[in-house]
PDB file of N, CA and C in Angstrom:
ATOM      1  N   MET A   1      46.963 144.818  69.949  1.00  0.00           N
ATOM      2  CA  MET A   1      47.362 143.929  71.132  1.00  0.00           C
ATOM      3  C   MET A   1      45.809 143.991  71.690  1.00  0.00           C
ATOM      4  N   ALA A   2      45.478 142.751  72.192  1.00  0.00           N
ATOM      5  CA  ALA A   2      44.073 142.435  72.739  1.00  0.00           C
ATOM      6  C   ALA A   2      44.190 142.598  74.256  1.00  0.00           C
ATOM      7  N   THR A   3      43.312 143.020  74.911  1.00  0.00           N
ATOM      8  CA  THR A   3      43.030 143.153  76.199  1.00  0.00           C
ATOM      9  C   THR A   3      43.328 141.972  76.855  1.00  0.00           C
ATOM     10  N   ARG A   4      44.122 141.875  78.018  1.00  0.00           N
ATOM     11  CA  ARG A   4      44.258 140.899  78.931  1.00  0.00           C
ATOM     12  C   ARG A   4      43.142 140.555  79.832  1.00  0.00           C
ATOM     13  N   LYS A   5      42.473 139.332  79.964  1.00  0.00           N
ATOM     14  CA  LYS A   5      41.315 139.081  80.846  1.00  0.00           C
ATOM     15  C   LYS A   5      41.489 139.646  82.507  1.00  0.00           C
ATOM     16  N   GLU A   6      42.824 139.291  82.851  1.00  0.00           N
ATOM     17  CA  GLU A   6      43.253 140.098  84.139  1.00  0.00           C
ATOM     18  C   GLU A   6      42.910 141.361  84.178  1.00  0.00           C
ATOM     19  N   THR A   7      42.926 142.168  83.159  1.00  0.00           N
ATOM     20  CA  THR A   7      42.719 143.624  83.105  1.00  0.00           C
ATOM     21  C   THR A   7      41.194 143.837  83.348  1.00  0.00           C
ATOM     22  N   VAL A   8      40.545 142.880  82.671  1.00  0.00           N
ATOM     23  CA  VAL A   8      39.000 143.064  82.687  1.00  0.00           C
ATOM     24  C   VAL A   8      38.585 142.853  84.139  1.00  0.00           C
ATOM     25  N   GLU A   9      39.111 141.749  84.615  1.00  0.00           N
ATOM     26  CA  GLU A   9      38.724 141.307  85.860  1.00  0.00           C
ATOM     27  C   GLU A   9      39.080 142.202  86.742  1.00  0.00           C
ATOM     28  N   TYR A  10      40.099 142.881  86.841  1.00  0.00           N
ATOM     29  CA  TYR A  10      40.557 143.835  87.891  1.00  0.00           C
ATOM     30  C   TYR A  10      39.454 145.141  87.852  1.00  0.00           C
ATOM     31  N   VAL A  11      39.069 145.470  86.705  1.00  0.00           N
ATOM     32  CA  VAL A  11      38.357 146.604  86.427  1.00  0.00           C
ATOM     33  C   VAL A  11      37.104 146.358  87.011  1.00  0.00           C
ATOM     34  N   LEU A  12      36.550 145.210  86.919  1.00  0.00           N
ATOM     35  CA  LEU A  12      35.219 144.823  87.243  1.00  0.00           C
ATOM     36  C   LEU A  12      35.271 144.499  88.830  1.00  0.00           C
ATOM     37  N   ASP A  13      36.295 144.055  89.286  1.00  0.00           N
ATOM     38  CA  ASP A  13      36.529 143.952  90.897  1.00  0.00           C
ATOM     39  C   ASP A  13      36.567 145.264  91.545  1.00  0.00           C
ATOM     40  N   GLN A  14      37.052 146.362  90.687  1.00  0.00           N
ATOM     41  CA  GLN A  14      37.086 147.664  91.295  1.00  0.00           C
ATOM     42  C   GLN A  14      35.561 148.319  91.136  1.00  0.00           C
ATOM     43  N   LEU A  15      34.981 147.938  90.203  1.00  0.00           N
ATOM     44  CA  LEU A  15      33.491 148.524  89.855  1.00  0.00           C
ATOM     45  C   LEU A  15      32.538 147.705  91.203  1.00  0.00           C
ATOM     46  N   ASP A  16      32.926 146.784  91.646  1.00  0.00           N
ATOM     47  CA  ASP A  16      31.789 145.725  92.465  1.00  0.00           C
ATOM     48  C   ASP A  16      31.302 146.914  93.662  1.00  0.00           C
ATOM     49  N   PRO A  17      30.324 147.041  94.001  1.00  0.00           N
ATOM     50  CA  PRO A  17      29.032 146.380  93.753  1.00  0.00           C
ATOM     51  C   PRO A  17      28.389 147.100  92.479  1.00  0.00           C
ATOM     52  N   LEU A  18      28.580 147.854  91.943  1.00  0.00           N
ATOM     53  CA  LEU A  18      27.887 148.294  90.626  1.00  0.00           C
ATOM     54  C   LEU A  18      27.283 147.432  90.008  1.00  0.00           C
ATOM     55  N   PRO A  19      26.096 147.688  89.198  1.00  0.00           N
ATOM     56  CA  PRO A  19      25.808 146.645  88.405  1.00  0.00           C
ATOM     57  C   PRO A  19      26.391 146.578  87.005  1.00  0.00           C
ATOM     58  N   VAL A  20      27.571 146.510  86.752  1.00  0.00           N
ATOM     59  CA  VAL A  20      28.364 146.327  85.745  1.00  0.00           C
ATOM     60  C   VAL A  20      28.930 144.881  85.124  1.00  0.00           C
ATOM     61  N   ARG A  21      28.935 144.858  83.754  1.00  0.00           N
ATOM     62  CA  ARG A  21      29.469 143.750  83.094  1.00  0.00           C
ATOM     63  C   ARG A  21      30.410 144.055  81.861  1.00  0.00           C
ATOM     64  N   ALA A  22      31.111 143.107  81.434  1.00  0.00           N
ATOM     65  CA  ALA A  22      32.117 143.160  80.438  1.00  0.00           C
ATOM     66  C   ALA A  22      31.642 142.556  79.282  1.00  0.00           C
ATOM     67  N   ARG A  23      31.803 142.854  78.012  1.00  0.00           N
ATOM     68  CA  ARG A  23      31.572 141.994  77.006  1.00  0.00           C
ATOM     69  C   ARG A  23      32.673 141.614  75.910  1.00  0.00           C
ATOM     70  N   SER A  24      32.974 140.839  75.512  1.00  0.00           N
ATOM     71  CA  SER A  24      33.970 140.648  74.695  1.00  0.00           C
ATOM     72  C   SER A  24      33.630 141.002  73.275  1.00  0.00           C
ATOM     73  N   MET A  25      34.420 141.815  72.440  1.00  0.00           N
ATOM     74  CA  MET A  25      34.296 142.402  71.119  1.00  0.00           C
ATOM     75  C   MET A  25      35.426 142.616  70.524  1.00  0.00           C
ATOM     76  N   PHE A  26      35.678 141.542  69.617  1.00  0.00           N
ATOM     77  CA  PHE A  26      36.835 141.553  68.574  1.00  0.00           C
ATOM     78  C   PHE A  26      38.362 141.204  69.641  1.00  0.00           C
ATOM     79  N   GLY A  27      38.236 140.876  70.508  1.00  0.00           N
ATOM     80  CA  GLY A  27      39.508 140.730  71.419  1.00  0.00           C
ATOM     81  C   GLY A  27      39.838 141.908  72.466  1.00  0.00           C
ATOM     82  N   GLU A  28      38.580 142.959  72.317  1.00  0.00           N
ATOM     83  CA  GLU A  28      38.579 143.951  73.383  1.00  0.00           C
ATOM     84  C   GLU A  28      37.470 143.963  73.987  1.00  0.00           C
ATOM     85  N   TYR A  29      37.057 144.694  74.881  1.00  0.00           N
ATOM     86  CA  TYR A  29      35.816 144.670  75.839  1.00  0.00           C
ATOM     87  C   TYR A  29      34.746 146.063  75.820  1.00  0.00           C
ATOM     88  N   ALA A  30      33.735 145.759  75.867  1.00  0.00           N
ATOM     89  CA  ALA A  30      32.578 146.909  75.948  1.00  0.00           C
ATOM     90  C   ALA A  30      32.109 146.847  77.713  1.00  0.00           C
ATOM     91  N   LEU A  31      32.063 147.841  78.318  1.00  0.00           N
ATOM     92  CA  LEU A  31      31.840 147.837  79.696  1.00  0.00           C
ATOM     93  C   LEU A  31      30.523 148.766  79.925  1.00  0.00           C
ATOM     94  N   TYR A  32      29.711 147.678  80.375  1.00  0.00           N
ATOM     95  CA  TYR A  32      28.172 148.087  80.830  1.00  0.00           C
ATOM     96  C   TYR A  32      27.826 148.342  82.047  1.00  0.00           C
ATOM     97  N   CYS A  33      27.217 149.487  82.329  1.00  0.00           N
ATOM     98  CA  CYS A  33      26.618 149.775  83.739  1.00  0.00           C
ATOM     99  C   CYS A  33      24.976 150.182  83.450  1.00  0.00           C
ATOM    100  N   ASP A  34      24.351 149.580  84.316  1.00  0.00           N
ATOM    101  CA  ASP A  34      22.830 149.624  83.947  1.00  0.00           C
ATOM    102  C   ASP A  34      22.391 149.433  82.682  1.00  0.00           C
ATOM    103  N   ASP A  35      23.103 148.493  82.115  1.00  0.00           N
ATOM    104  CA  ASP A  35      22.835 148.205  80.790  1.00  0.00           C
ATOM    105  C   ASP A  35      23.048 149.343  79.550  1.00  0.00           C
ATOM    106  N   LYS A  36      23.930 150.088  79.931  1.00  0.00           N
ATOM    107  CA  LYS A  36      24.419 151.416  78.923  1.00  0.00           C
ATOM    108  C   LYS A  36      25.878 151.177  78.767  1.00  0.00           C
ATOM    109  N   THR A  37      26.173 151.144  77.491  1.00  0.00           N
ATOM    110  CA  THR A  37      27.791 150.870  77.218  1.00  0.00           C
ATOM    111  C   THR A  37      28.079 152.477  77.903  1.00  0.00           C
ATOM    112  N   VAL A  38      29.125 152.435  79.030  1.00  0.00           N
ATOM    113  CA  VAL A  38      29.954 153.375  79.404  1.00  0.00           C
ATOM    114  C   VAL A  38      31.358 153.458  79.157  1.00  0.00           C
ATOM    115  N   ALA A  39      31.842 152.696  78.701  1.00  0.00           N
ATOM    116  CA  ALA A  39      33.310 152.432  78.436  1.00  0.00           C
ATOM    117  C   ALA A  39      33.635 151.456  77.422  1.00  0.00           C
ATOM    118  N   PHE A  40      35.087 151.521  77.048  1.00  0.00           N
ATOM    119  CA  PHE A  40      35.535 150.282  76.460  1.00  0.00           C
ATOM    120  C   PHE A  40      37.039 149.898  77.009  1.00  0.00           C
ATOM    121  N   ILE A  41      37.406 148.785  77.225  1.00  0.00           N
ATOM    122  CA  ILE A  41      38.376 148.564  77.350  1.00  0.00           C
ATOM    123  C   ILE A  41      39.348 147.812  76.180  1.00  0.00           C
ATOM    124  N   CYS A  42      40.230 148.646  76.111  1.00  0.00           N
ATOM    125  CA  CYS A  42      41.048 148.266  74.431  1.00  0.00           C
ATOM    126  C   CYS A  42      42.767 148.183  74.915  1.00  0.00           C
ATOM    127  N   ASP A  43      43.407 147.535  74.842  1.00  0.00           N
ATOM    128  CA  ASP A  43      44.789 147.355  74.917  1.00  0.00           C
ATOM    129  C   ASP A  43      45.056 147.577  76.370  1.00  0.00           C
ATOM    130  N   ASP A  44      44.329 146.990  77.190  1.00  0.00           N
ATOM    131  CA  ASP A  44      44.417 147.230  78.776  1.00  0.00           C
ATOM    132  C   ASP A  44      44.198 148.674  79.193  1.00  0.00           C
ATOM    133  N   THR A  45      43.641 149.663  78.717  1.00  0.00           N
ATOM    134  CA  THR A  45      43.250 150.897  78.891  1.00  0.00           C
ATOM    135  C   THR A  45      41.652 150.900  78.976  1.00  0.00           C
ATOM    136  N   VAL A  46      41.145 151.702  80.174  1.00  0.00           N
ATOM    137  CA  VAL A  46      39.555 152.053  80.102  1.00  0.00           C
ATOM    138  C   VAL A  46      39.517 153.229  79.187  1.00  0.00           C
ATOM    139  N   PHE A  47      38.653 153.200  78.269  1.00  0.00           N
ATOM    140  CA  PHE A  47      38.267 154.579  77.701  1.00  0.00           C
ATOM    141  C   PHE A  47      36.549 154.931  77.861  1.00  0.00           C
ATOM    142  N   MET A  48      36.519 155.909  78.714  1.00  0.00           N
ATOM    143  CA  MET A  48      35.057 156.453  79.015  1.00  0.00           C
ATOM    144  C   MET A  48      34.464 156.998  77.780  1.00  0.00           C
ATOM    145  N   LYS A  49      33.506 156.845  77.619  1.00  0.00           N
ATOM    146  CA  LYS A  49      32.310 157.516  76.531  1.00  0.00           C
ATOM    147  C   LYS A  49      32.464 158.895  76.773  1.00  0.00           C
ATOM    148  N   PRO A  50      32.472 159.536  75.652  1.00  0.00           N
ATOM    149  CA  PRO A  50      32.704 161.182  75.806  1.00  0.00           C
ATOM    150  C   PRO A  50      31.244 161.869  76.485  1.00  0.00           C
ATOM    151  N   THR A  51      31.251 162.360  77.411  1.00  0.00           N
ATOM    152  CA  THR A  51      30.142 162.916  78.295  1.00  0.00           C
ATOM    153  C   THR A  51      30.937 164.060  79.062  1.00  0.00           C
ATOM    154  N   ALA A  52      29.971 164.670  79.415  1.00  0.00           N
ATOM    155  CA  ALA A  52      30.607 166.136  80.622  1.00  0.00           C
ATOM    156  C   ALA A  52      30.972 165.548  81.654  1.00  0.00           C
ATOM    157  N   VAL A  53      30.566 164.298  82.201  1.00  0.00           N
ATOM    158  CA  VAL A  53      30.912 163.730  83.288  1.00  0.00           C
ATOM    159  C   VAL A  53      32.602 163.174  83.016  1.00  0.00           C
ATOM    160  N   ALA A  54      32.786 162.669  81.933  1.00  0.00           N
ATOM    161  CA  ALA A  54      34.140 162.183  81.733  1.00  0.00           C
ATOM    162  C   ALA A  54      35.036 163.601  81.548  1.00  0.00           C
ATOM    163  N   GLU A  55      34.617 164.277  80.792  1.00  0.00           N
ATOM    164  CA  GLU A  55      35.396 165.596  80.561  1.00  0.00           C
ATOM    165  C   GLU A  55      35.935 166.411  82.090  1.00  0.00           C
ATOM    166  N   GLU A  56      34.958 166.654  82.769  1.00  0.00           N
ATOM    167  CA  GLU A  56      35.292 167.144  84.095  1.00  0.00           C
ATOM    168  C   GLU A  56      36.277 166.117  84.802  1.00  0.00           C
ATOM    169  N   ALA A  57      35.948 164.728  84.687  1.00  0.00           N
ATOM    170  CA  ALA A  57      36.898 163.920  85.616  1.00  0.00           C
ATOM    171  C   ALA A  57      38.137 163.820  85.189  1.00  0.00           C
ATOM    172  N   LEU A  58      38.155 163.985  83.776  1.00  0.00           N
ATOM    173  CA  LEU A  58      39.413 163.426  82.928  1.00  0.00           C
ATOM    174  C   LEU A  58      40.200 164.499  82.184  1.00  0.00           C
ATOM    175  N   GLY A  59      39.551 165.469  81.674  1.00  0.00           N
ATOM    176  CA  GLY A  59      40.020 166.481  80.974  1.00  0.00           C
ATOM    177  C   GLY A  59      40.373 166.101  79.562  1.00  0.00           C
ATOM    178  N   PRO A  60      40.342 167.280  78.725  1.00  0.00           N
ATOM    179  CA  PRO A  60      40.744 166.691  77.290  1.00  0.00           C
ATOM    180  C   PRO A  60      41.868 166.438  76.974  1.00  0.00           C
ATOM    181  N   GLU A  61      42.895 166.554  77.851  1.00  0.00           N
ATOM    182  CA  GLU A  61      44.413 166.036  77.266  1.00  0.00           C
ATOM    183  C   GLU A  61      44.303 164.419  77.492  1.00  0.00           C
ATOM    184  N   THR A  62      43.093 163.793  78.155  1.00  0.00           N
ATOM    185  CA  THR A  62      43.133 162.339  77.968  1.00  0.00           C
ATOM    186  C   THR A  62      42.461 161.900  76.882  1.00  0.00           C
ATOM    187  N   LEU A  63      41.992 162.605  75.993  1.00  0.00           N
ATOM    188  CA  LEU A  63      41.127 162.074  74.750  1.00  0.00           C
ATOM    189  C   LEU A  63      42.223 161.350  73.632  1.00  0.00           C
ATOM    190  N   ALA A  64      41.632 160.208  73.494  1.00  0.00           N
ATOM    191  CA  ALA A  64      42.460 159.470  72.412  1.00  0.00           C
ATOM    192  C   ALA A  64      41.418 158.282  71.686  1.00  0.00           C
ATOM    193  N   PRO A  65      41.798 157.862  70.710  1.00  0.00           N
ATOM    194  CA  PRO A  65      40.927 156.837  70.041  1.00  0.00           C
ATOM    195  C   PRO A  65      41.196 155.440  70.748  1.00  0.00           C
ATOM    196  N   ALA A  66      40.286 154.787  71.000  1.00  0.00           N
ATOM    197  CA  ALA A  66      40.159 153.465  71.771  1.00  0.00           C
ATOM    198  C   ALA A  66      40.972 152.574  70.910  1.00  0.00           C
ATOM    199  N   TYR A  67      40.738 152.549  69.881  1.00  0.00           N
ATOM    200  CA  TYR A  67      41.236 151.530  68.685  1.00  0.00           C
ATOM    201  C   TYR A  67      41.476 152.301  67.296  1.00  0.00           C
ATOM    202  N   PRO A  68      42.314 152.110  66.508  1.00  0.00           N
ATOM    203  CA  PRO A  68      42.746 152.729  65.288  1.00  0.00           C
ATOM    204  C   PRO A  68      41.454 152.917  64.316  1.00  0.00           C
ATOM    205  N   GLY A  69      41.229 154.333  64.187  1.00  0.00           N
ATOM    206  CA  GLY A  69      39.827 154.620  63.299  1.00  0.00           C
ATOM    207  C   GLY A  69      38.685 155.125  64.205  1.00  0.00           C
ATOM    208  N   SER A  70      38.917 154.811  65.412  1.00  0.00           N
ATOM    209  CA  SER A  70      37.677 154.936  66.389  1.00  0.00           C
ATOM    210  C   SER A  70      37.700 156.478  66.902  1.00  0.00           C
ATOM    211  N   LYS A  71      36.475 157.154  67.257  1.00  0.00           N
ATOM    212  CA  LYS A  71      36.215 158.484  67.700  1.00  0.00           C
ATOM    213  C   LYS A  71      37.035 158.388  68.863  1.00  0.00           C
ATOM    214  N   LEU A  72      37.049 159.734  69.359  1.00  0.00           N
ATOM    215  CA  LEU A  72      38.090 159.938  70.666  1.00  0.00           C
ATOM    216  C   LEU A  72      37.207 159.691  72.110  1.00  0.00           C
ATOM    217  N   TYR A  73      37.600 158.858  72.893  1.00  0.00           N
ATOM    218  CA  TYR A  73      36.965 158.689  74.102  1.00  0.00           C
ATOM    219  C   TYR A  73      38.078 159.192  75.323  1.00  0.00           C
ATOM    220  N   TYR A  74      37.615 159.240  76.661  1.00  0.00           N
ATOM    221  CA  TYR A  74      38.620 159.557  77.519  1.00  0.00           C
ATOM    222  C   TYR A  74      39.403 158.441  78.074  1.00  0.00           C
ATOM    223  N   ALA A  75      40.648 158.509  78.016  1.00  0.00           N
ATOM    224  CA  ALA A  75      41.430 157.378  78.418  1.00  0.00           C
ATOM    225  C   ALA A  75      41.531 157.423  80.031  1.00  0.00           C
ATOM    226  N   VAL A  76      41.240 156.575  80.784  1.00  0.00           N
ATOM    227  CA  VAL A  76      41.723 156.674  82.216  1.00  0.00           C
ATOM    228  C   VAL A  76      42.844 156.209  82.569  1.00  0.00           C
ATOM    229  N   PRO A  77      43.604 157.243  83.302  1.00  0.00           N
ATOM    230  CA  PRO A  77      45.303 156.829  83.703  1.00  0.00           C
ATOM    231  C   PRO A  77      45.082 155.784  84.658  1.00  0.00           C
ATOM    232  N   GLY A  78      46.166 154.697  84.495  1.00  0.00           N
ATOM    233  CA  GLY A  78      46.159 153.494  85.176  1.00  0.00           C
ATOM    234  C   GLY A  78      46.315 153.778  86.822  1.00  0.00           C
ATOM    235  N   ASP A  79      46.954 154.938  87.155  1.00  0.00           N
ATOM    236  CA  ASP A  79      46.836 155.052  88.539  1.00  0.00           C
ATOM    237  C   ASP A  79      45.187 155.533  88.983  1.00  0.00           C
ATOM    238  N   ARG A  80      44.393 156.098  88.285  1.00  0.00           N
ATOM    239  CA  ARG A  80      43.137 156.285  88.523  1.00  0.00           C
ATOM    240  C   ARG A  80      42.351 155.124  88.940  1.00  0.00           C
ATOM    241  N   LEU A  81      42.650 154.168  88.091  1.00  0.00           N
ATOM    242  CA  LEU A  81      42.009 152.666  88.224  1.00  0.00           C
ATOM    243  C   LEU A  81      42.017 152.300  89.324  1.00  0.00           C
ATOM    244  N   GLU A  82      43.032 152.449  90.291  1.00  0.00           N
ATOM    245  CA  GLU A  82      43.343 151.941  91.652  1.00  0.00           C
ATOM    246  C   GLU A  82      42.340 152.907  92.562  1.00  0.00           C
ATOM    247  N   ASN A  83      41.829 153.618  92.378  1.00  0.00           N
ATOM    248  CA  ASN A  83      41.123 154.378  93.112  1.00  0.00           C
ATOM    249  C   ASN A  83      39.639 154.015  93.165  1.00  0.00           C
ATOM    250  N   ARG A  84      39.233 153.006  93.804  1.00  0.00           N
ATOM    251  CA  ARG A  84      37.828 152.422  93.613  1.00  0.00           C
ATOM    252  C   ARG A  84      36.628 153.202  93.488  1.00  0.00           C
ATOM    253  N   GLU A  85      36.608 154.162  94.748  1.00  0.00           N
ATOM    254  CA  GLU A  85      35.437 155.120  94.875  1.00  0.00           C
ATOM    255  C   GLU A  85      35.519 156.148  93.699  1.00  0.00           C
ATOM    256  N   TRP A  86      36.640 156.691  93.284  1.00  0.00           N
ATOM    257  CA  TRP A  86      36.573 157.395  92.091  1.00  0.00           C
ATOM    258  C   TRP A  86      36.284 156.844  91.177  1.00  0.00           C
ATOM    259  N   LEU A  87      36.590 155.574  90.603  1.00  0.00           N
ATOM    260  CA  LEU A  87      36.271 155.136  89.622  1.00  0.00           C
ATOM    261  C   LEU A  87      34.788 154.471  89.492  1.00  0.00           C
ATOM    262  N   GLN A  88      34.346 154.069  90.568  1.00  0.00           N
ATOM    263  CA  GLN A  88      32.957 153.634  90.961  1.00  0.00           C
ATOM    264  C   GLN A  88      32.075 155.071  90.533  1.00  0.00           C
ATOM    265  N   ASP A  89      32.401 156.016  91.053  1.00  0.00           N
ATOM    266  CA  ASP A  89      31.818 157.434  90.881  1.00  0.00           C
ATOM    267  C   ASP A  89      31.611 157.604  89.444  1.00  0.00           C
ATOM    268  N   LEU A  90      32.745 157.887  88.848  1.00  0.00           N
ATOM    269  CA  LEU A  90      32.961 157.977  87.387  1.00  0.00           C
ATOM    270  C   LEU A  90      32.045 156.976  86.503  1.00  0.00           C
ATOM    271  N   VAL A  91      32.087 155.885  86.606  1.00  0.00           N
ATOM    272  CA  VAL A  91      31.238 155.103  85.764  1.00  0.00           C
ATOM    273  C   VAL A  91      29.773 155.167  86.282  1.00  0.00           C
ATOM    274  N   GLN A  92      29.360 155.286  87.258  1.00  0.00           N
ATOM    275  CA  GLN A  92      27.673 155.427  87.606  1.00  0.00           C
ATOM    276  C   GLN A  92      27.449 156.863  87.070  1.00  0.00           C
ATOM    277  N   ARG A  93      28.254 157.806  87.541  1.00  0.00           N
ATOM    278  CA  ARG A  93      27.751 159.267  86.840  1.00  0.00           C
ATOM    279  C   ARG A  93      27.675 159.129  85.307  1.00  0.00           C
ATOM    280  N   THR A  94      28.488 158.707  84.810  1.00  0.00           N
ATOM    281  CA  THR A  94      28.492 158.214  83.017  1.00  0.00           C
ATOM    282  C   THR A  94      27.349 157.605  82.852  1.00  0.00           C
ATOM    283  N   ALA A  95      26.991 156.613  83.456  1.00  0.00           N
ATOM    284  CA  ALA A  95      25.560 155.834  83.216  1.00  0.00           C
ATOM    285  C   ALA A  95      24.253 156.527  83.391  1.00  0.00           C
ATOM    286  N   ASP A  96      24.454 157.396  84.554  1.00  0.00           N
ATOM    287  CA  ASP A  96      23.335 158.008  84.820  1.00  0.00           C
ATOM    288  C   ASP A  96      22.840 159.181  83.946  1.00  0.00           C
ATOM    289  N   VAL A  97      23.846 159.667  83.109  1.00  0.00           N
ATOM    290  CA  VAL A  97      23.673 160.680  81.967  1.00  0.00           C
ATOM    291  C   VAL A  97      23.417 160.308  80.743  1.00  0.00           C
ATOM    292  N   LEU A  98      23.693 158.971  80.288  1.00  0.00           N
ATOM    293  CA  LEU A  98      23.769 158.449  79.083  1.00  0.00           C
ATOM    294  C   LEU A  98      22.187 157.964  78.785  1.00  0.00           C
ATOM    295  N   PRO A  99      21.795 158.117  77.704  1.00  0.00           N
ATOM    296  CA  PRO A  99      20.369 157.629  77.534  1.00  0.00           C
ATOM    297  C   PRO A  99      20.348 156.112  77.735  1.00  0.00           C
ATOM    298  N   ALA A 100      19.002 155.769  77.665  1.00  0.00           N
ATOM    299  CA  ALA A 100      18.448 154.226  77.868  1.00  0.00           C
ATOM    300  C   ALA A 100      18.812 153.836  76.704  1.00  0.00           C
ATOM    301  N   PRO A 101      19.145 152.395  76.648  1.00  0.00           N
ATOM    302  CA  PRO A 101      19.600 151.509  75.661  1.00  0.00           C
ATOM    303  C   PRO A 101      18.233 151.454  74.473  1.00  0.00           C
ATOM    304  N   LYS A 102      18.046 151.523  73.311  1.00  0.00           N
ATOM    305  CA  LYS A 102      17.249 151.238  72.468  1.00  0.00           C
ATOM    306  C   LYS A 102      16.918 149.628  72.647  1.00  0.00           C
ATOM    307  N   PRO A 103      15.321 149.438  72.702  1.00  0.00           N
ATOM    308  CA  PRO A 103      15.045 148.191  72.786  1.00  0.00           C
ATOM    309  C   PRO A 103      15.289 147.461  71.457  1.00  0.00           C
ATOM    310  N   LYS A 104      15.429 146.153  71.761  1.00  0.00           N
ATOM    311  CA  LYS A 104      16.203 145.332  70.699  1.00  0.00           C
ATOM    312  C   LYS A 104      14.843 144.752  69.945  1.00  0.00           C
ATOM    313  N   ARG A 105      14.964 144.916  68.401  1.00  0.00           N
ATOM    314  CA  ARG A 105      13.620 144.410  67.687  1.00  0.00           C
ATOM    315  C   ARG A 105      13.764 142.998  67.681  1.00  0.00           C
ATOM    316  N   ALA A 106      12.589 142.523  67.689  1.00  0.00           N
ATOM    317  CA  ALA A 106      12.345 140.893  67.612  1.00  0.00           C
ATOM    318  C   ALA A 106      12.934 140.304  66.395  1.00  0.00           C
ATOM    319  N   LYS A 107      13.355 139.254  66.380  1.00  0.00           N
ATOM    320  CA  LYS A 107      13.747 138.788  64.897  1.00  0.00           C
ATOM    321  C   LYS A 107      12.453 137.974  64.194  1.00  0.00           C
ATOM    322  N   PRO A 108      12.203 138.333  63.030  1.00  0.00           N
ATOM    323  CA  PRO A 108      10.987 137.617  62.463  1.00  0.00           C
ATOM    324  C   PRO A 108      11.133 136.101  62.660  1.00  0.00           C
ATOM    325  N   ALA A 109      10.034 135.436  62.573  1.00  0.00           N
ATOM    326  CA  ALA A 109       9.775 133.931  62.900  1.00  0.00           C
ATOM    327  C   ALA A 109      10.289 133.343  61.727  1.00  0.00           C
ATOM    328  N   LYS A 110      11.080 132.560  61.617  1.00  0.00           N
ATOM    329  CA  LYS A 110      11.189 131.414  60.490  1.00  0.00           C
ATOM    330  C   LYS A 110       9.936 130.867  59.964  1.00  0.00           C
ATOM    331  N   PRO A 111      10.069 130.672  58.731  1.00  0.00           N
ATOM    332  CA  PRO A 111       8.440 130.009  58.606  1.00  0.00           C
ATOM    333  C   PRO A 111       8.942 128.505  58.213  1.00  0.00           C
ATOM    334  N   ALA A 112       7.643 128.019  58.715  1.00  0.00           N
ATOM    335  CA  ALA A 112       7.874 126.266  58.935  1.00  0.00           C
ATOM    336  C   ALA A 112       7.826 125.598  57.737  1.00  0.00           C
ATOM    337  N   GLY A 113       8.801 124.883  57.755  1.00  0.00           N
ATOM    338  CA  GLY A 113       8.860 124.062  56.327  1.00  0.00           C
ATOM    339  C   GLY A 113       9.881 122.953  56.566  1.00  0.00           C
TER     340      GLY A 113
END
């Protein structure tokens, strides 16, 4: 089941004014903060990347695959999404502990012809 756009809009609204964006990926979404992938939104559930921050905030009992065959992520319970300050803190602290994204390689120029 694909994530509804309303869910993504709600999550982004809860995270405002953080520098976050969502990018559609195969009917689901990746959530970025400070240009770092901090979470995925799959089947209308937010799955935080595995970090010590997420483990402390959510606990190991929330570990679940974001989609069939994925590694385990920390699923954010729906009632926690309603707590704007808590969610903003979790997302920002997760971004703070993740490494900077690798620079993208430039594509080789096509030969003229």
